[in-house]
Amino acid sequence: MGKRRRERRTFLGRLRQVFLTGVVIITPLIITLWVLTILFDLIHGLSTPFILRILRILRVPLVDDPAFATYVVPLIGISATLLVIVLVGVVATNLLGRRFVAAFDQLMLRIPLIKGIYGGTRQLLDAFSMKTGGFQRVVAVEYPRPGIFTIGFVAREGATLMTQGRGHLPGLTLIFLPTTPNPTSGWLAAVPEKDIIPLDLTVEEGIKLVVSGGIVVPPGWETR
């Protein structure tokens, strides 16, 4: 009887893990499709009537055919949407686009109240996306009490804290300890190197682990 109960708990626990893993994987896809749908509706509504008008002026055959409106017009909207996305990507990756993004950043950083939130969030997102160096490695620190370990990301090694009354505190590692499931919030800890436990994880694997709340674990971390 006890063995059956244990097997049932194991099966239900495995089923729960598989279900939550599916939710974690599907949710970003749903959000992406939702955003693309909104973008398609917007671009389709603006561009398609203009394109159809040009086609009528050029007297393209079958423009007023019901089949054309049913099958070809949506393709025009999809093509226009993809073209806009590609153009935005091209503009954002070339010199002119980088200048535009930099100008937008400067504008946001000049607005009171917004500049503090926007600046901090932008820098943190850049760190997670590996821009400007990003986080160096994934570690664990014994926090909030002995025997409990918190996963964090090394932001800088060999830092020195400038204090009032206690002089300098050299040889510290600045570790960002993110919250789950939103890793863009958290707190910063200055930890001696001897108290840091290196983890055999890439930064990307560490982010997945934090965002999933421990559901998506790296190979070798599963319970046997």
N, C-alpha and C. Protein backbone atom coordinates (compact mmCIF):
# COMPACT_ATOMS: atom_id res chain seq x y z
N MET A 1 0.84 -1.21 0.00
CA MET A 1 0.00 0.00 0.00
C MET A 1 0.87 1.26 0.00
N GLY A 2 1.90 1.24 0.91
CA GLY A 2 2.79 2.39 0.98
C GLY A 2 3.56 2.58 -0.30
N LYS A 3 3.96 1.47 -0.94
CA LYS A 3 4.70 1.55 -2.19
C LYS A 3 3.85 2.17 -3.29
N ARG A 4 2.55 1.80 -3.34
CA ARG A 4 1.65 2.37 -4.35
C ARG A 4 1.50 3.88 -4.16
N ARG A 5 1.40 4.29 -2.89
CA ARG A 5 1.26 5.72 -2.62
C ARG A 5 2.50 6.49 -3.07
N ARG A 6 3.67 5.91 -2.78
CA ARG A 6 4.90 6.57 -3.21
C ARG A 6 4.98 6.65 -4.73
N GLU A 7 4.60 5.55 -5.40
CA GLU A 7 4.61 5.56 -6.86
C GLU A 7 3.63 6.59 -7.41
N ARG A 8 2.47 6.71 -6.74
CA ARG A 8 1.47 7.69 -7.19
C ARG A 8 1.99 9.11 -7.00
N ARG A 9 2.64 9.37 -5.84
CA ARG A 9 3.19 10.70 -5.61
C ARG A 9 4.28 11.02 -6.63
N THR A 10 5.12 10.02 -6.92
CA THR A 10 6.18 10.23 -7.91
C THR A 10 5.60 10.53 -9.28
N PHE A 11 4.54 9.79 -9.66
CA PHE A 11 3.91 10.01 -10.96
C PHE A 11 3.27 11.39 -11.01
N LEU A 12 2.55 11.78 -9.94
CA LEU A 12 1.90 13.09 -9.93
C LEU A 12 2.93 14.22 -9.92
N GLY A 13 4.04 14.02 -9.20
CA GLY A 13 5.09 15.03 -9.18
C GLY A 13 5.73 15.19 -10.54
N ARG A 14 5.97 14.06 -11.21
CA ARG A 14 6.54 14.10 -12.56
C ARG A 14 5.58 14.74 -13.55
N LEU A 15 4.28 14.41 -13.41
CA LEU A 15 3.27 15.01 -14.29
C LEU A 15 3.19 16.51 -14.07
N ARG A 16 3.27 16.94 -12.82
CA ARG A 16 3.23 18.37 -12.51
C ARG A 16 4.43 19.08 -13.10
N GLN A 17 5.62 18.48 -12.99
CA GLN A 17 6.82 19.09 -13.55
C GLN A 17 6.73 19.20 -15.06
N VAL A 18 6.25 18.14 -15.71
CA VAL A 18 6.12 18.16 -17.16
C VAL A 18 5.11 19.23 -17.59
N PHE A 19 3.99 19.33 -16.86
CA PHE A 19 2.95 20.31 -17.19
C PHE A 19 3.49 21.73 -17.05
N LEU A 20 4.17 22.01 -15.92
CA LEU A 20 4.68 23.36 -15.70
C LEU A 20 5.79 23.70 -16.69
N THR A 21 6.59 22.71 -17.07
CA THR A 21 7.61 22.94 -18.09
C THR A 21 6.96 23.33 -19.41
N GLY A 22 5.87 22.63 -19.75
CA GLY A 22 5.13 22.99 -20.97
C GLY A 22 4.58 24.40 -20.91
N VAL A 23 4.08 24.80 -19.73
CA VAL A 23 3.55 26.15 -19.57
C VAL A 23 4.65 27.18 -19.77
N VAL A 24 5.83 26.92 -19.18
CA VAL A 24 6.96 27.85 -19.31
C VAL A 24 7.38 28.01 -20.76
N ILE A 25 7.34 26.91 -21.52
CA ILE A 25 7.76 26.96 -22.92
C ILE A 25 6.69 27.62 -23.79
N ILE A 26 5.42 27.31 -23.53
CA ILE A 26 4.34 27.80 -24.38
C ILE A 26 4.05 29.28 -24.15
N THR A 27 4.16 29.74 -22.90
CA THR A 27 3.79 31.12 -22.57
C THR A 27 4.52 32.15 -23.43
N PRO A 28 5.88 32.08 -23.59
CA PRO A 28 6.53 33.06 -24.48
C PRO A 28 6.04 32.99 -25.91
N LEU A 29 5.71 31.77 -26.38
CA LEU A 29 5.19 31.64 -27.74
C LEU A 29 3.84 32.34 -27.89
N ILE A 30 2.98 32.16 -26.87
CA ILE A 30 1.66 32.80 -26.91
C ILE A 30 1.81 34.32 -26.90
N ILE A 31 2.70 34.83 -26.06
CA ILE A 31 2.92 36.28 -26.00
C ILE A 31 3.46 36.80 -27.33
N THR A 32 4.40 36.05 -27.93
CA THR A 32 4.96 36.45 -29.22
C THR A 32 3.88 36.48 -30.29
N LEU A 33 3.04 35.44 -30.34
CA LEU A 33 1.96 35.40 -31.33
C LEU A 33 0.97 36.53 -31.10
N TRP A 34 0.70 36.83 -29.83
CA TRP A 34 -0.23 37.92 -29.50
C TRP A 34 0.30 39.26 -30.00
N VAL A 35 1.60 39.51 -29.77
CA VAL A 35 2.20 40.77 -30.22
C VAL A 35 2.21 40.83 -31.74
N LEU A 36 2.55 39.70 -32.40
CA LEU A 36 2.56 39.68 -33.86
C LEU A 36 1.17 39.89 -34.43
N THR A 37 0.15 39.35 -33.75
CA THR A 37 -1.23 39.54 -34.21
C THR A 37 -1.63 41.01 -34.16
N ILE A 38 -1.27 41.67 -33.06
CA ILE A 38 -1.57 43.10 -32.94
C ILE A 38 -0.83 43.88 -34.02
N LEU A 39 0.45 43.54 -34.22
CA LEU A 39 1.23 44.24 -35.24
C LEU A 39 0.66 43.99 -36.63
N PHE A 40 0.24 42.75 -36.90
CA PHE A 40 -0.34 42.43 -38.21
C PHE A 40 -1.63 43.21 -38.44
N ASP A 41 -2.50 43.24 -37.44
CA ASP A 41 -3.77 43.97 -37.59
C ASP A 41 -3.51 45.45 -37.86
N LEU A 42 -2.51 46.02 -37.18
CA LEU A 42 -2.21 47.43 -37.37
C LEU A 42 -1.66 47.71 -38.77
N ILE A 43 -0.65 46.94 -39.16
CA ILE A 43 -0.02 47.17 -40.47
C ILE A 43 -0.96 46.78 -41.60
N HIS A 44 -1.68 45.68 -41.41
CA HIS A 44 -2.62 45.24 -42.44
C HIS A 44 -3.71 46.29 -42.67
N GLY A 45 -4.21 46.86 -41.59
CA GLY A 45 -5.26 47.87 -41.72
C GLY A 45 -4.78 49.15 -42.38
N LEU A 46 -3.49 49.47 -42.20
CA LEU A 46 -2.97 50.70 -42.78
C LEU A 46 -2.44 50.52 -44.21
N SER A 47 -1.76 49.40 -44.45
CA SER A 47 -1.07 49.23 -45.72
C SER A 47 -1.92 48.60 -46.82
N THR A 48 -2.77 47.65 -46.46
CA THR A 48 -3.50 46.90 -47.48
C THR A 48 -4.40 47.79 -48.33
N PRO A 49 -5.23 48.68 -47.76
CA PRO A 49 -6.05 49.55 -48.62
C PRO A 49 -5.20 50.39 -49.57
N PHE A 50 -4.07 50.88 -49.10
CA PHE A 50 -3.18 51.69 -49.94
C PHE A 50 -2.62 50.84 -51.09
N ILE A 51 -2.20 49.61 -50.77
CA ILE A 51 -1.64 48.73 -51.80
C ILE A 51 -2.71 48.35 -52.82
N LEU A 52 -3.93 48.06 -52.35
CA LEU A 52 -5.02 47.71 -53.26
C LEU A 52 -5.36 48.87 -54.18
N ARG A 53 -5.29 50.07 -53.66
CA ARG A 53 -5.58 51.25 -54.49
C ARG A 53 -4.55 51.38 -55.61
N ILE A 54 -3.28 51.14 -55.26
CA ILE A 54 -2.23 51.20 -56.28
C ILE A 54 -2.45 50.11 -57.33
N LEU A 55 -2.82 48.90 -56.89
CA LEU A 55 -3.06 47.81 -57.84
C LEU A 55 -4.22 48.12 -58.77
N ARG A 56 -5.26 48.80 -58.24
CA ARG A 56 -6.40 49.16 -59.09
C ARG A 56 -5.99 50.23 -60.10
N ILE A 57 -5.15 51.16 -59.65
CA ILE A 57 -4.67 52.19 -60.58
C ILE A 57 -3.86 51.56 -61.70
N LEU A 58 -3.07 50.56 -61.33
CA LEU A 58 -2.26 49.86 -62.34
C LEU A 58 -3.07 48.85 -63.15
N ARG A 59 -4.36 48.70 -62.77
CA ARG A 59 -5.27 47.80 -63.46
C ARG A 59 -4.76 46.34 -63.49
N VAL A 60 -4.34 45.93 -62.32
CA VAL A 60 -3.91 44.54 -62.18
C VAL A 60 -5.14 43.65 -62.25
N PRO A 61 -5.10 42.59 -63.03
CA PRO A 61 -6.28 41.71 -63.16
C PRO A 61 -6.66 41.06 -61.82
N LEU A 62 -7.96 40.82 -61.66
CA LEU A 62 -8.52 40.07 -60.53
C LEU A 62 -8.42 40.79 -59.18
N VAL A 63 -8.12 42.09 -59.21
CA VAL A 63 -8.02 42.81 -57.94
C VAL A 63 -9.36 42.83 -57.21
N ASP A 64 -10.44 43.00 -57.98
CA ASP A 64 -11.77 43.08 -57.37
C ASP A 64 -12.44 41.71 -57.26
N ASP A 65 -11.71 40.65 -57.58
CA ASP A 65 -12.28 39.31 -57.47
C ASP A 65 -12.38 38.91 -55.99
N PRO A 66 -13.52 38.30 -55.55
CA PRO A 66 -13.67 37.87 -54.14
C PRO A 66 -12.55 36.94 -53.69
N ALA A 67 -12.08 36.06 -54.56
CA ALA A 67 -11.00 35.15 -54.19
C ALA A 67 -9.72 35.93 -53.88
N PHE A 68 -9.50 37.02 -54.61
CA PHE A 68 -8.32 37.85 -54.37
C PHE A 68 -8.38 38.44 -52.96
N ALA A 69 -9.56 38.93 -52.59
CA ALA A 69 -9.72 39.51 -51.25
C ALA A 69 -9.59 38.46 -50.16
N THR A 70 -10.00 37.23 -50.47
CA THR A 70 -9.99 36.17 -49.46
C THR A 70 -8.60 35.61 -49.23
N TYR A 71 -7.83 35.41 -50.30
CA TYR A 71 -6.57 34.71 -50.18
C TYR A 71 -5.34 35.60 -50.35
N VAL A 72 -5.40 36.56 -51.25
CA VAL A 72 -4.22 37.35 -51.56
C VAL A 72 -4.05 38.52 -50.60
N VAL A 73 -5.16 39.16 -50.25
CA VAL A 73 -5.08 40.34 -49.37
C VAL A 73 -4.43 40.02 -48.02
N PRO A 74 -4.81 38.91 -47.34
CA PRO A 74 -4.10 38.58 -46.09
C PRO A 74 -2.61 38.36 -46.29
N LEU A 75 -2.23 37.79 -47.45
CA LEU A 75 -0.82 37.59 -47.73
C LEU A 75 -0.09 38.93 -47.87
N ILE A 76 -0.80 39.91 -48.42
CA ILE A 76 -0.22 41.25 -48.52
C ILE A 76 0.05 41.80 -47.12
N GLY A 77 -0.92 41.62 -46.22
CA GLY A 77 -0.73 42.09 -44.84
C GLY A 77 0.41 41.38 -44.14
N ILE A 78 0.52 40.06 -44.33
CA ILE A 78 1.61 39.30 -43.71
C ILE A 78 2.95 39.76 -44.28
N SER A 79 3.01 39.93 -45.60
CA SER A 79 4.26 40.37 -46.23
C SER A 79 4.67 41.75 -45.74
N ALA A 80 3.69 42.64 -45.62
CA ALA A 80 3.99 44.00 -45.14
C ALA A 80 4.49 43.96 -43.70
N THR A 81 3.88 43.10 -42.88
CA THR A 81 4.30 42.98 -41.48
C THR A 81 5.73 42.47 -41.39
N LEU A 82 6.05 41.41 -42.14
CA LEU A 82 7.41 40.87 -42.13
C LEU A 82 8.41 41.90 -42.64
N LEU A 83 8.01 42.67 -43.66
CA LEU A 83 8.89 43.70 -44.20
C LEU A 83 9.20 44.77 -43.16
N VAL A 84 8.18 45.18 -42.42
CA VAL A 84 8.38 46.20 -41.38
C VAL A 84 9.32 45.68 -40.30
N ILE A 85 9.13 44.43 -39.87
CA ILE A 85 9.99 43.85 -38.83
C ILE A 85 11.44 43.79 -39.31
N VAL A 86 11.63 43.35 -40.56
CA VAL A 86 12.99 43.27 -41.11
C VAL A 86 13.62 44.66 -41.21
N LEU A 87 12.84 45.64 -41.68
CA LEU A 87 13.37 47.00 -41.81
C LEU A 87 13.75 47.59 -40.46
N VAL A 88 12.91 47.33 -39.45
CA VAL A 88 13.25 47.82 -38.11
C VAL A 88 14.55 47.17 -37.62
N GLY A 89 14.70 45.86 -37.89
CA GLY A 89 15.93 45.18 -37.50
C GLY A 89 17.14 45.73 -38.21
N VAL A 90 16.99 46.02 -39.51
CA VAL A 90 18.10 46.57 -40.28
C VAL A 90 18.48 47.95 -39.77
N VAL A 91 17.47 48.77 -39.53
CA VAL A 91 17.73 50.14 -39.05
C VAL A 91 18.38 50.11 -37.68
N ALA A 92 17.91 49.21 -36.82
CA ALA A 92 18.42 49.15 -35.44
C ALA A 92 19.85 48.63 -35.37
N THR A 93 20.28 47.86 -36.38
CA THR A 93 21.62 47.27 -36.35
C THR A 93 22.67 48.08 -37.10
N ASN A 94 22.25 49.04 -37.88
CA ASN A 94 23.26 49.84 -38.58
C ASN A 94 23.60 51.10 -37.78
N LEU A 95 24.50 51.88 -38.29
CA LEU A 95 24.98 53.05 -37.56
C LEU A 95 23.87 54.04 -37.28
N LEU A 96 23.02 54.30 -38.28
CA LEU A 96 21.93 55.25 -38.11
C LEU A 96 20.94 54.76 -37.04
N GLY A 97 20.66 53.45 -37.07
CA GLY A 97 19.74 52.90 -36.09
C GLY A 97 20.30 52.99 -34.68
N ARG A 98 21.59 52.70 -34.54
CA ARG A 98 22.20 52.79 -33.21
C ARG A 98 22.16 54.23 -32.69
N ARG A 99 22.34 55.19 -33.60
CA ARG A 99 22.26 56.59 -33.18
C ARG A 99 20.84 56.94 -32.75
N PHE A 100 19.86 56.41 -33.48
CA PHE A 100 18.46 56.69 -33.12
C PHE A 100 18.14 56.10 -31.75
N VAL A 101 18.58 54.85 -31.51
CA VAL A 101 18.34 54.21 -30.21
C VAL A 101 19.05 54.98 -29.10
N ALA A 102 20.29 55.43 -29.38
CA ALA A 102 21.03 56.21 -28.39
C ALA A 102 20.32 57.54 -28.10
N ALA A 103 19.80 58.17 -29.14
CA ALA A 103 19.07 59.43 -28.95
C ALA A 103 17.81 59.20 -28.12
N PHE A 104 17.11 58.08 -28.38
CA PHE A 104 15.92 57.76 -27.60
C PHE A 104 16.28 57.52 -26.13
N ASP A 105 17.41 56.81 -25.90
CA ASP A 105 17.85 56.58 -24.53
C ASP A 105 18.14 57.89 -23.82
N GLN A 106 18.83 58.81 -24.51
CA GLN A 106 19.14 60.09 -23.91
C GLN A 106 17.88 60.88 -23.58
N LEU A 107 16.89 60.78 -24.47
CA LEU A 107 15.63 61.47 -24.21
C LEU A 107 14.95 60.91 -22.96
N MET A 108 14.90 59.58 -22.85
CA MET A 108 14.26 58.96 -21.69
C MET A 108 15.01 59.28 -20.40
N LEU A 109 16.33 59.39 -20.50
CA LEU A 109 17.14 59.67 -19.31
C LEU A 109 17.06 61.12 -18.87
N ARG A 110 16.41 61.97 -19.66
CA ARG A 110 16.24 63.37 -19.28
C ARG A 110 14.88 63.64 -18.63
N ILE A 111 13.99 62.67 -18.68
CA ILE A 111 12.65 62.85 -18.14
C ILE A 111 12.66 62.52 -16.64
N PRO A 112 12.26 63.45 -15.78
CA PRO A 112 12.25 63.17 -14.34
C PRO A 112 11.35 61.97 -14.01
N LEU A 113 11.71 61.27 -12.97
CA LEU A 113 11.01 60.08 -12.48
C LEU A 113 11.24 58.87 -13.40
N ILE A 114 11.14 59.09 -14.72
CA ILE A 114 11.30 57.98 -15.65
C ILE A 114 12.77 57.59 -15.79
N LYS A 115 13.68 58.57 -15.72
CA LYS A 115 15.08 58.28 -16.02
C LYS A 115 15.69 57.26 -15.05
N GLY A 116 15.30 57.31 -13.79
CA GLY A 116 15.84 56.34 -12.84
C GLY A 116 15.40 54.93 -13.14
N ILE A 117 14.11 54.78 -13.42
CA ILE A 117 13.56 53.45 -13.70
C ILE A 117 14.07 52.94 -15.05
N TYR A 118 14.00 53.80 -16.08
CA TYR A 118 14.40 53.38 -17.43
C TYR A 118 15.89 53.06 -17.49
N GLY A 119 16.70 53.92 -16.88
CA GLY A 119 18.15 53.71 -16.95
C GLY A 119 18.57 52.42 -16.27
N GLY A 120 18.05 52.18 -15.08
CA GLY A 120 18.40 50.96 -14.37
C GLY A 120 17.91 49.72 -15.09
N THR A 121 16.68 49.77 -15.59
CA THR A 121 16.12 48.61 -16.29
C THR A 121 16.88 48.33 -17.57
N ARG A 122 17.25 49.39 -18.30
CA ARG A 122 17.98 49.21 -19.56
C ARG A 122 19.35 48.58 -19.31
N GLN A 123 20.04 49.04 -18.30
CA GLN A 123 21.35 48.48 -18.00
C GLN A 123 21.25 47.02 -17.58
N LEU A 124 20.22 46.70 -16.81
CA LEU A 124 20.05 45.31 -16.37
C LEU A 124 19.70 44.41 -17.54
N LEU A 125 18.83 44.88 -18.42
CA LEU A 125 18.47 44.08 -19.61
C LEU A 125 19.68 43.89 -20.51
N ASP A 126 20.52 44.92 -20.64
CA ASP A 126 21.74 44.78 -21.42
C ASP A 126 22.66 43.73 -20.82
N ALA A 127 22.70 43.68 -19.49
CA ALA A 127 23.54 42.68 -18.83
C ALA A 127 23.03 41.28 -19.11
N PHE A 128 21.71 41.08 -19.05
CA PHE A 128 21.15 39.77 -19.30
C PHE A 128 21.26 39.37 -20.76
N SER A 129 21.31 40.34 -21.66
CA SER A 129 21.44 40.03 -23.08
C SER A 129 22.90 40.00 -23.54
N MET A 130 23.82 39.98 -22.57
CA MET A 130 25.26 39.86 -22.84
C MET A 130 25.84 41.09 -23.51
N LYS A 131 25.20 42.23 -23.42
CA LYS A 131 25.78 43.44 -23.98
C LYS A 131 26.72 44.07 -22.95
N THR A 132 27.70 44.82 -23.44
CA THR A 132 28.69 45.51 -22.60
C THR A 132 29.26 44.57 -21.55
N GLY A 133 29.61 43.37 -21.94
CA GLY A 133 30.25 42.45 -21.01
C GLY A 133 29.26 41.54 -20.32
N GLY A 134 28.19 42.10 -19.77
CA GLY A 134 27.17 41.29 -19.11
C GLY A 134 27.70 40.63 -17.85
N PHE A 135 26.93 39.68 -17.34
CA PHE A 135 27.35 38.93 -16.17
C PHE A 135 28.45 37.95 -16.54
N GLN A 136 29.33 37.70 -15.60
CA GLN A 136 30.51 36.87 -15.88
C GLN A 136 30.24 35.39 -15.68
N ARG A 137 29.57 35.01 -14.60
CA ARG A 137 29.33 33.60 -14.31
C ARG A 137 28.20 33.46 -13.31
N VAL A 138 27.77 32.22 -13.12
CA VAL A 138 26.68 31.92 -12.19
C VAL A 138 27.28 31.29 -10.94
N VAL A 139 26.83 31.77 -9.78
CA VAL A 139 27.36 31.27 -8.51
C VAL A 139 26.21 31.06 -7.53
N ALA A 140 26.55 30.50 -6.38
CA ALA A 140 25.60 30.36 -5.29
C ALA A 140 26.23 30.94 -4.03
N VAL A 141 25.42 31.60 -3.22
CA VAL A 141 25.88 32.13 -1.94
C VAL A 141 24.93 31.62 -0.85
N GLU A 142 25.49 31.43 0.33
CA GLU A 142 24.69 30.92 1.45
C GLU A 142 23.87 32.05 2.03
N TYR A 143 22.64 32.13 1.58
CA TYR A 143 21.75 33.24 1.94
C TYR A 143 20.31 32.76 1.78
N PRO A 144 19.38 33.13 2.65
CA PRO A 144 19.44 34.13 3.74
C PRO A 144 19.91 33.59 5.08
N ARG A 145 20.17 32.28 5.17
CA ARG A 145 20.73 31.73 6.41
C ARG A 145 21.58 30.53 6.06
N PRO A 146 22.44 30.09 6.98
CA PRO A 146 23.28 28.92 6.70
C PRO A 146 22.45 27.69 6.31
N GLY A 147 22.91 27.01 5.27
CA GLY A 147 22.21 25.81 4.80
C GLY A 147 21.26 26.07 3.66
N ILE A 148 20.97 27.34 3.37
CA ILE A 148 20.12 27.71 2.23
C ILE A 148 20.96 28.53 1.25
N PHE A 149 20.89 28.14 -0.01
CA PHE A 149 21.74 28.77 -1.03
C PHE A 149 20.90 29.52 -2.05
N THR A 150 21.36 30.71 -2.41
CA THR A 150 20.69 31.55 -3.40
C THR A 150 21.57 31.65 -4.64
N ILE A 151 20.95 31.49 -5.79
CA ILE A 151 21.67 31.56 -7.06
C ILE A 151 21.80 33.02 -7.50
N GLY A 152 22.98 33.40 -7.92
CA GLY A 152 23.22 34.76 -8.35
C GLY A 152 24.16 34.82 -9.54
N PHE A 153 24.36 36.04 -10.04
CA PHE A 153 25.20 36.28 -11.21
C PHE A 153 26.31 37.26 -10.84
N VAL A 154 27.53 36.89 -11.13
CA VAL A 154 28.67 37.75 -10.82
C VAL A 154 28.69 38.94 -11.77
N ALA A 155 28.61 40.13 -11.20
CA ALA A 155 28.64 41.36 -12.00
C ALA A 155 30.05 41.94 -12.08
N ARG A 156 30.81 41.83 -11.00
CA ARG A 156 32.17 42.37 -10.98
C ARG A 156 32.97 41.68 -9.88
N GLU A 157 34.21 41.37 -10.21
CA GLU A 157 35.11 40.75 -9.24
C GLU A 157 36.18 41.75 -8.81
N GLY A 158 36.72 41.54 -7.60
CA GLY A 158 37.79 42.40 -7.11
C GLY A 158 37.34 43.81 -6.80
N ALA A 159 36.11 43.99 -6.35
CA ALA A 159 35.60 45.33 -6.04
C ALA A 159 36.05 45.75 -4.64
N THR A 160 36.16 47.05 -4.44
CA THR A 160 36.53 47.61 -3.14
C THR A 160 35.43 48.56 -2.69
N LEU A 161 34.89 48.29 -1.50
CA LEU A 161 33.85 49.16 -0.95
C LEU A 161 34.50 50.31 -0.18
N MET A 162 34.06 51.51 -0.48
CA MET A 162 34.55 52.69 0.22
C MET A 162 33.57 53.01 1.34
N THR A 163 34.00 52.85 2.58
CA THR A 163 33.10 53.02 3.71
C THR A 163 33.49 54.25 4.53
N GLN A 164 32.62 54.62 5.42
CA GLN A 164 32.88 55.71 6.35
C GLN A 164 33.14 55.11 7.74
N GLY A 165 34.35 55.29 8.23
CA GLY A 165 34.68 54.80 9.56
C GLY A 165 35.37 53.45 9.57
N ARG A 166 35.20 52.64 8.53
CA ARG A 166 35.82 51.31 8.50
C ARG A 166 36.89 51.19 7.41
N GLY A 167 37.18 52.28 6.77
CA GLY A 167 38.19 52.27 5.73
C GLY A 167 37.71 51.57 4.48
N HIS A 168 38.64 50.95 3.76
CA HIS A 168 38.31 50.27 2.52
C HIS A 168 38.10 48.78 2.79
N LEU A 169 37.14 48.19 2.05
CA LEU A 169 36.89 46.75 2.13
C LEU A 169 37.20 46.16 0.77
N PRO A 170 38.44 45.70 0.56
CA PRO A 170 38.84 45.22 -0.77
C PRO A 170 38.52 43.74 -0.95
N GLY A 171 38.68 43.28 -2.21
CA GLY A 171 38.58 41.86 -2.50
C GLY A 171 37.18 41.29 -2.45
N LEU A 172 36.18 42.11 -2.74
CA LEU A 172 34.80 41.64 -2.71
C LEU A 172 34.28 41.41 -4.13
N THR A 173 33.35 40.51 -4.24
CA THR A 173 32.71 40.22 -5.53
C THR A 173 31.28 40.72 -5.49
N LEU A 174 30.90 41.52 -6.48
CA LEU A 174 29.53 42.04 -6.56
C LEU A 174 28.66 41.01 -7.28
N ILE A 175 27.64 40.54 -6.58
CA ILE A 175 26.77 39.49 -7.11
C ILE A 175 25.34 40.00 -7.14
N PHE A 176 24.73 39.87 -8.31
CA PHE A 176 23.32 40.22 -8.45
C PHE A 176 22.48 39.00 -8.13
N LEU A 177 21.59 39.13 -7.15
CA LEU A 177 20.71 38.05 -6.73
C LEU A 177 19.31 38.35 -7.25
N PRO A 178 18.89 37.69 -8.33
CA PRO A 178 17.61 38.02 -8.96
C PRO A 178 16.44 37.39 -8.23
N THR A 179 15.27 37.93 -8.48
CA THR A 179 14.03 37.35 -7.97
C THR A 179 13.42 36.45 -9.04
N THR A 180 12.54 35.58 -8.61
CA THR A 180 11.85 34.66 -9.52
C THR A 180 10.36 35.00 -9.56
N PRO A 181 9.70 35.00 -10.73
CA PRO A 181 10.22 34.65 -12.05
C PRO A 181 10.73 35.84 -12.85
N ASN A 182 10.79 37.03 -12.23
CA ASN A 182 11.22 38.23 -12.94
C ASN A 182 12.67 38.54 -12.57
N PRO A 183 13.64 38.14 -13.40
CA PRO A 183 15.04 38.33 -13.03
C PRO A 183 15.53 39.75 -13.17
N THR A 184 14.70 40.67 -13.68
CA THR A 184 15.14 42.06 -13.81
C THR A 184 15.01 42.81 -12.50
N SER A 185 14.49 42.17 -11.46
CA SER A 185 14.47 42.77 -10.13
C SER A 185 15.27 41.87 -9.19
N GLY A 186 15.77 42.44 -8.13
CA GLY A 186 16.57 41.68 -7.19
C GLY A 186 17.38 42.62 -6.34
N TRP A 187 18.50 42.14 -5.81
CA TRP A 187 19.33 43.01 -5.01
C TRP A 187 20.80 42.65 -5.24
N LEU A 188 21.67 43.58 -4.84
CA LEU A 188 23.10 43.42 -5.07
C LEU A 188 23.78 43.10 -3.75
N ALA A 189 24.66 42.09 -3.77
CA ALA A 189 25.40 41.69 -2.58
C ALA A 189 26.89 41.77 -2.85
N ALA A 190 27.64 42.29 -1.89
CA ALA A 190 29.10 42.30 -1.96
C ALA A 190 29.60 41.16 -1.09
N VAL A 191 30.15 40.13 -1.71
CA VAL A 191 30.46 38.88 -1.02
C VAL A 191 31.94 38.59 -1.13
N PRO A 192 32.59 38.17 -0.04
CA PRO A 192 33.99 37.72 -0.14
C PRO A 192 34.10 36.51 -1.04
N GLU A 193 35.20 36.42 -1.77
CA GLU A 193 35.38 35.33 -2.72
C GLU A 193 35.32 33.96 -2.05
N LYS A 194 35.78 33.86 -0.82
CA LYS A 194 35.79 32.57 -0.13
C LYS A 194 34.38 32.06 0.18
N ASP A 195 33.40 32.95 0.17
CA ASP A 195 32.02 32.55 0.48
C ASP A 195 31.21 32.28 -0.78
N ILE A 196 31.84 32.29 -1.94
CA ILE A 196 31.14 32.09 -3.21
C ILE A 196 31.33 30.66 -3.67
N ILE A 197 30.25 30.03 -4.11
CA ILE A 197 30.30 28.66 -4.63
C ILE A 197 30.07 28.72 -6.13
N PRO A 198 31.08 28.44 -6.95
CA PRO A 198 30.89 28.46 -8.41
C PRO A 198 29.93 27.35 -8.85
N LEU A 199 29.10 27.63 -9.83
CA LEU A 199 28.17 26.65 -10.37
C LEU A 199 28.54 26.33 -11.81
N ASP A 200 28.37 25.07 -12.17
CA ASP A 200 28.68 24.63 -13.54
C ASP A 200 27.49 24.94 -14.44
N LEU A 201 27.27 26.24 -14.66
CA LEU A 201 26.16 26.72 -15.47
C LEU A 201 26.63 27.87 -16.34
N THR A 202 26.07 27.97 -17.53
CA THR A 202 26.26 29.18 -18.31
C THR A 202 25.28 30.24 -17.81
N VAL A 203 25.54 31.49 -18.17
CA VAL A 203 24.63 32.56 -17.75
C VAL A 203 23.23 32.32 -18.32
N GLU A 204 23.16 31.85 -19.56
CA GLU A 204 21.86 31.57 -20.18
C GLU A 204 21.11 30.48 -19.41
N GLU A 205 21.80 29.43 -19.01
CA GLU A 205 21.16 28.36 -18.24
C GLU A 205 20.71 28.88 -16.88
N GLY A 206 21.52 29.76 -16.28
CA GLY A 206 21.13 30.34 -15.00
C GLY A 206 19.88 31.19 -15.11
N ILE A 207 19.76 31.96 -16.19
CA ILE A 207 18.58 32.80 -16.40
C ILE A 207 17.35 31.92 -16.58
N LYS A 208 17.47 30.85 -17.38
CA LYS A 208 16.34 29.94 -17.57
C LYS A 208 15.91 29.32 -16.25
N LEU A 209 16.88 28.96 -15.42
CA LEU A 209 16.58 28.36 -14.13
C LEU A 209 15.81 29.33 -13.24
N VAL A 210 16.23 30.60 -13.24
CA VAL A 210 15.57 31.60 -12.40
C VAL A 210 14.18 31.93 -12.92
N VAL A 211 14.07 32.17 -14.24
CA VAL A 211 12.79 32.56 -14.83
C VAL A 211 11.75 31.47 -14.65
N SER A 212 12.16 30.21 -14.77
CA SER A 212 11.20 29.10 -14.65
C SER A 212 10.88 28.75 -13.20
N GLY A 213 11.53 29.43 -12.27
CA GLY A 213 11.27 29.12 -10.87
C GLY A 213 11.79 27.75 -10.46
N GLY A 214 12.83 27.28 -11.14
CA GLY A 214 13.41 25.99 -10.82
C GLY A 214 12.80 24.83 -11.57
N ILE A 215 11.87 25.11 -12.48
CA ILE A 215 11.20 24.03 -13.22
C ILE A 215 12.11 23.53 -14.34
N VAL A 216 12.69 24.48 -15.09
CA VAL A 216 13.61 24.11 -16.17
C VAL A 216 15.01 24.07 -15.59
N VAL A 217 15.51 22.87 -15.34
CA VAL A 217 16.82 22.72 -14.69
C VAL A 217 17.83 22.19 -15.71
N PRO A 218 19.11 22.51 -15.52
CA PRO A 218 20.13 22.03 -16.44
C PRO A 218 20.31 20.53 -16.33
N PRO A 219 20.96 19.90 -17.31
CA PRO A 219 21.22 18.46 -17.24
C PRO A 219 22.04 18.11 -16.01
N GLY A 220 21.65 17.06 -15.34
CA GLY A 220 22.35 16.62 -14.13
C GLY A 220 21.75 17.16 -12.86
N TRP A 221 20.80 18.11 -12.98
CA TRP A 221 20.17 18.67 -11.78
C TRP A 221 18.88 17.96 -11.41
N GLU A 222 18.43 17.06 -12.25
CA GLU A 222 17.15 16.38 -11.99
C GLU A 222 17.27 15.46 -10.77
N THR A 223 16.15 15.30 -10.08
CA THR A 223 16.11 14.38 -8.95
C THR A 223 16.09 12.96 -9.45
N ARG A 224 16.99 12.15 -8.96
CA ARG A 224 17.06 10.75 -9.40
C ARG A 224 16.16 9.88 -8.53
